[in-house]
N, C-alpha and C. Protein backbone atom coordinates (compact mmCIF):
# COMPACT_ATOMS: atom_id res chain seq x y z
N ILE A 1 -8.65 2.64 -3.06
CA ILE A 1 -7.47 3.12 -3.75
C ILE A 1 -6.55 1.95 -4.10
N ASP A 2 -6.46 0.96 -3.21
CA ASP A 2 -5.60 -0.19 -3.51
C ASP A 2 -6.05 -0.92 -4.77
N THR A 3 -7.34 -1.02 -4.97
CA THR A 3 -7.86 -1.68 -6.17
C THR A 3 -7.45 -0.92 -7.42
N VAL A 4 -7.54 0.40 -7.38
CA VAL A 4 -7.15 1.22 -8.52
C VAL A 4 -5.65 1.12 -8.75
N THR A 5 -4.88 1.14 -7.68
CA THR A 5 -3.42 1.06 -7.79
C THR A 5 -2.99 -0.25 -8.43
N ARG A 6 -3.67 -1.33 -8.11
CA ARG A 6 -3.32 -2.63 -8.70
C ARG A 6 -3.54 -2.66 -10.21
N LEU A 7 -4.41 -1.79 -10.73
CA LEU A 7 -4.68 -1.76 -12.17
C LEU A 7 -3.46 -1.31 -12.97
N TYR A 8 -2.64 -0.45 -12.39
CA TYR A 8 -1.47 0.05 -13.13
C TYR A 8 -0.15 -0.33 -12.47
N GLU A 9 -0.19 -1.30 -11.58
CA GLU A 9 1.01 -1.79 -10.90
C GLU A 9 2.02 -2.34 -11.91
N GLY A 10 3.26 -1.92 -11.79
CA GLY A 10 4.31 -2.41 -12.66
C GLY A 10 4.39 -1.70 -14.01
N THR A 11 3.62 -0.65 -14.21
CA THR A 11 3.65 0.09 -15.47
C THR A 11 4.40 1.41 -15.29
N ALA A 12 4.54 2.14 -16.39
CA ALA A 12 5.19 3.46 -16.33
C ALA A 12 4.38 4.43 -15.48
N LEU A 13 3.07 4.27 -15.46
CA LEU A 13 2.23 5.15 -14.64
C LEU A 13 2.58 5.02 -13.16
N GLU A 14 2.91 3.83 -12.73
CA GLU A 14 3.29 3.65 -11.33
C GLU A 14 4.62 4.34 -11.03
N ARG A 15 5.55 4.29 -11.98
CA ARG A 15 6.84 4.95 -11.77
C ARG A 15 6.69 6.46 -11.71
N VAL A 16 5.73 7.02 -12.45
CA VAL A 16 5.55 8.47 -12.49
C VAL A 16 4.69 8.96 -11.33
N PHE A 17 3.56 8.29 -11.07
CA PHE A 17 2.60 8.79 -10.09
C PHE A 17 2.59 8.04 -8.76
N ALA A 18 3.26 6.92 -8.68
CA ALA A 18 3.24 6.06 -7.48
C ALA A 18 1.80 5.72 -7.11
N ASP A 19 1.43 5.87 -5.85
CA ASP A 19 0.09 5.48 -5.41
C ASP A 19 -0.94 6.58 -5.58
N SER A 20 -0.59 7.73 -6.11
CA SER A 20 -1.49 8.87 -6.15
C SER A 20 -2.32 8.99 -7.42
N LEU A 21 -2.13 8.13 -8.38
CA LEU A 21 -2.88 8.25 -9.63
C LEU A 21 -4.38 8.13 -9.39
N GLY A 22 -4.79 7.23 -8.52
CA GLY A 22 -6.21 7.07 -8.22
C GLY A 22 -6.81 8.37 -7.69
N MET A 23 -6.10 9.04 -6.78
CA MET A 23 -6.55 10.31 -6.24
C MET A 23 -6.64 11.37 -7.33
N LEU A 24 -5.65 11.41 -8.21
CA LEU A 24 -5.65 12.41 -9.28
C LEU A 24 -6.78 12.15 -10.28
N VAL A 25 -7.03 10.89 -10.59
CA VAL A 25 -8.13 10.56 -11.49
C VAL A 25 -9.46 10.94 -10.86
N LEU A 26 -9.63 10.65 -9.58
CA LEU A 26 -10.86 11.00 -8.89
C LEU A 26 -11.05 12.52 -8.87
N GLY A 27 -9.99 13.27 -8.64
CA GLY A 27 -10.08 14.73 -8.69
C GLY A 27 -10.46 15.23 -10.07
N GLY A 28 -9.94 14.58 -11.11
CA GLY A 28 -10.32 14.94 -12.48
C GLY A 28 -11.78 14.64 -12.77
N ILE A 29 -12.26 13.52 -12.27
CA ILE A 29 -13.68 13.17 -12.45
C ILE A 29 -14.57 14.20 -11.75
N PHE A 30 -14.18 14.58 -10.52
CA PHE A 30 -14.95 15.60 -9.81
C PHE A 30 -14.97 16.92 -10.58
N PHE A 31 -13.82 17.29 -11.16
CA PHE A 31 -13.78 18.53 -11.94
C PHE A 31 -14.73 18.46 -13.13
N PHE A 32 -14.69 17.37 -13.88
CA PHE A 32 -15.55 17.26 -15.05
C PHE A 32 -17.02 17.18 -14.68
N CYS A 33 -17.34 16.55 -13.56
CA CYS A 33 -18.73 16.51 -13.11
C CYS A 33 -19.22 17.92 -12.76
N LYS A 34 -18.40 18.68 -12.04
CA LYS A 34 -18.77 20.05 -11.69
C LYS A 34 -18.91 20.90 -12.94
N TRP A 35 -17.98 20.76 -13.88
CA TRP A 35 -18.07 21.51 -15.13
C TRP A 35 -19.33 21.13 -15.90
N TRP A 36 -19.64 19.85 -15.96
CA TRP A 36 -20.81 19.39 -16.70
C TRP A 36 -22.10 19.94 -16.08
N MET A 37 -22.17 20.00 -14.76
CA MET A 37 -23.38 20.49 -14.09
C MET A 37 -23.53 21.99 -14.19
N THR A 38 -22.43 22.74 -14.11
CA THR A 38 -22.51 24.20 -14.11
C THR A 38 -22.18 24.83 -15.45
N ARG A 39 -21.53 24.08 -16.33
CA ARG A 39 -21.06 24.60 -17.63
C ARG A 39 -20.11 25.78 -17.48
N LYS A 40 -19.41 25.83 -16.34
CA LYS A 40 -18.41 26.87 -16.11
C LYS A 40 -17.14 26.19 -15.59
N LEU A 41 -16.00 26.66 -16.08
CA LEU A 41 -14.73 26.16 -15.56
C LEU A 41 -14.42 26.87 -14.25
N ASN A 42 -14.07 26.11 -13.25
CA ASN A 42 -13.71 26.67 -11.96
C ASN A 42 -12.19 26.83 -11.94
N LYS A 43 -11.74 28.07 -12.13
CA LYS A 43 -10.29 28.28 -12.26
C LYS A 43 -9.56 27.97 -10.97
N TRP A 44 -10.16 28.20 -9.81
CA TRP A 44 -9.49 27.91 -8.55
C TRP A 44 -9.33 26.41 -8.33
N TYR A 45 -10.33 25.65 -8.77
CA TYR A 45 -10.21 24.19 -8.70
C TYR A 45 -9.06 23.73 -9.59
N LEU A 46 -9.00 24.27 -10.81
CA LEU A 46 -7.92 23.90 -11.73
C LEU A 46 -6.55 24.27 -11.19
N ILE A 47 -6.45 25.45 -10.58
CA ILE A 47 -5.17 25.87 -10.02
C ILE A 47 -4.76 24.94 -8.88
N GLY A 48 -5.69 24.64 -7.99
CA GLY A 48 -5.40 23.74 -6.88
C GLY A 48 -5.07 22.33 -7.35
N TYR A 49 -5.83 21.86 -8.33
CA TYR A 49 -5.60 20.52 -8.87
C TYR A 49 -4.24 20.45 -9.56
N GLY A 50 -3.91 21.47 -10.32
CA GLY A 50 -2.60 21.52 -10.99
C GLY A 50 -1.46 21.55 -9.98
N ALA A 51 -1.62 22.35 -8.91
CA ALA A 51 -0.60 22.41 -7.87
C ALA A 51 -0.45 21.06 -7.18
N LEU A 52 -1.57 20.40 -6.91
CA LEU A 52 -1.53 19.07 -6.29
C LEU A 52 -0.82 18.07 -7.19
N ALA A 53 -1.15 18.09 -8.48
CA ALA A 53 -0.53 17.16 -9.43
C ALA A 53 0.97 17.41 -9.54
N LEU A 54 1.38 18.67 -9.63
CA LEU A 54 2.81 18.99 -9.72
C LEU A 54 3.55 18.62 -8.44
N ALA A 55 2.94 18.89 -7.29
CA ALA A 55 3.57 18.52 -6.02
C ALA A 55 3.73 17.01 -5.92
N ASN A 56 2.72 16.28 -6.38
CA ASN A 56 2.80 14.83 -6.36
C ASN A 56 3.91 14.32 -7.27
N LEU A 57 3.96 14.84 -8.49
CA LEU A 57 5.00 14.42 -9.42
C LEU A 57 6.39 14.72 -8.87
N ALA A 58 6.56 15.90 -8.31
CA ALA A 58 7.86 16.28 -7.76
C ALA A 58 8.23 15.40 -6.58
N SER A 59 7.29 15.16 -5.68
CA SER A 59 7.61 14.37 -4.49
C SER A 59 7.94 12.92 -4.85
N VAL A 60 7.24 12.37 -5.83
CA VAL A 60 7.53 10.99 -6.24
C VAL A 60 8.93 10.90 -6.84
N GLN A 61 9.29 11.86 -7.67
CA GLN A 61 10.60 11.82 -8.30
C GLN A 61 11.72 12.08 -7.29
N ILE A 62 11.51 13.00 -6.36
CA ILE A 62 12.53 13.30 -5.35
C ILE A 62 12.70 12.14 -4.38
N ALA A 63 11.59 11.46 -4.07
CA ALA A 63 11.65 10.35 -3.11
C ALA A 63 12.49 9.19 -3.60
N ARG A 64 12.78 9.14 -4.86
CA ARG A 64 13.56 8.03 -5.43
C ARG A 64 15.03 8.36 -5.60
N THR A 65 15.48 9.46 -5.03
CA THR A 65 16.87 9.85 -5.20
C THR A 65 17.70 9.49 -3.97
N ALA A 66 19.00 9.42 -4.16
CA ALA A 66 19.91 9.15 -3.06
C ALA A 66 19.92 10.31 -2.07
N ALA A 67 19.74 11.53 -2.59
CA ALA A 67 19.71 12.70 -1.70
C ALA A 67 18.56 12.58 -0.71
N TRP A 68 17.40 12.14 -1.17
CA TRP A 68 16.27 11.97 -0.26
C TRP A 68 16.54 10.85 0.75
N ASP A 69 17.22 9.81 0.32
CA ASP A 69 17.57 8.74 1.27
C ASP A 69 18.43 9.29 2.40
N ARG A 70 19.35 10.18 2.07
CA ARG A 70 20.20 10.78 3.12
C ARG A 70 19.36 11.66 4.05
N VAL A 71 18.47 12.47 3.49
CA VAL A 71 17.60 13.34 4.31
C VAL A 71 16.71 12.48 5.20
N ALA A 72 16.12 11.44 4.65
CA ALA A 72 15.23 10.57 5.42
C ALA A 72 15.99 9.88 6.54
N SER A 73 17.21 9.45 6.27
CA SER A 73 17.99 8.78 7.32
C SER A 73 18.34 9.76 8.45
N LEU A 74 18.58 11.02 8.11
CA LEU A 74 18.81 12.03 9.15
C LEU A 74 17.56 12.27 9.98
N LEU A 75 16.41 12.30 9.33
CA LEU A 75 15.15 12.53 10.05
C LEU A 75 14.78 11.37 10.96
N LEU A 76 15.21 10.18 10.61
CA LEU A 76 14.83 9.00 11.38
C LEU A 76 15.80 8.66 12.50
N ARG A 77 16.82 9.44 12.66
CA ARG A 77 17.79 9.18 13.73
C ARG A 77 17.21 9.51 15.07
C-alpha cells in the first residue's frame, strides 16, 4: 500500500482519499474481476463498496477539521 500511496503523494487525490485510495482501487479491481468472470453485477458488493468509499471520504474530510482536533484531544486525555 505504501508503494501505491507514493504514486499520488502530494496530489489532489491524496487530499481527498488520504491513504485509502489503494484499498479502494483494489476493491474496484476485485469487483470488475468478479463481474468479468460471472457477467453479473453483485449489488451487495456495490452497496458495501459504496458505503466503504463514502465512509472513507467522510472520515478523511472530518479528520482535517478543528472540531475533530478537539474531539481527539478529549479522547487522548
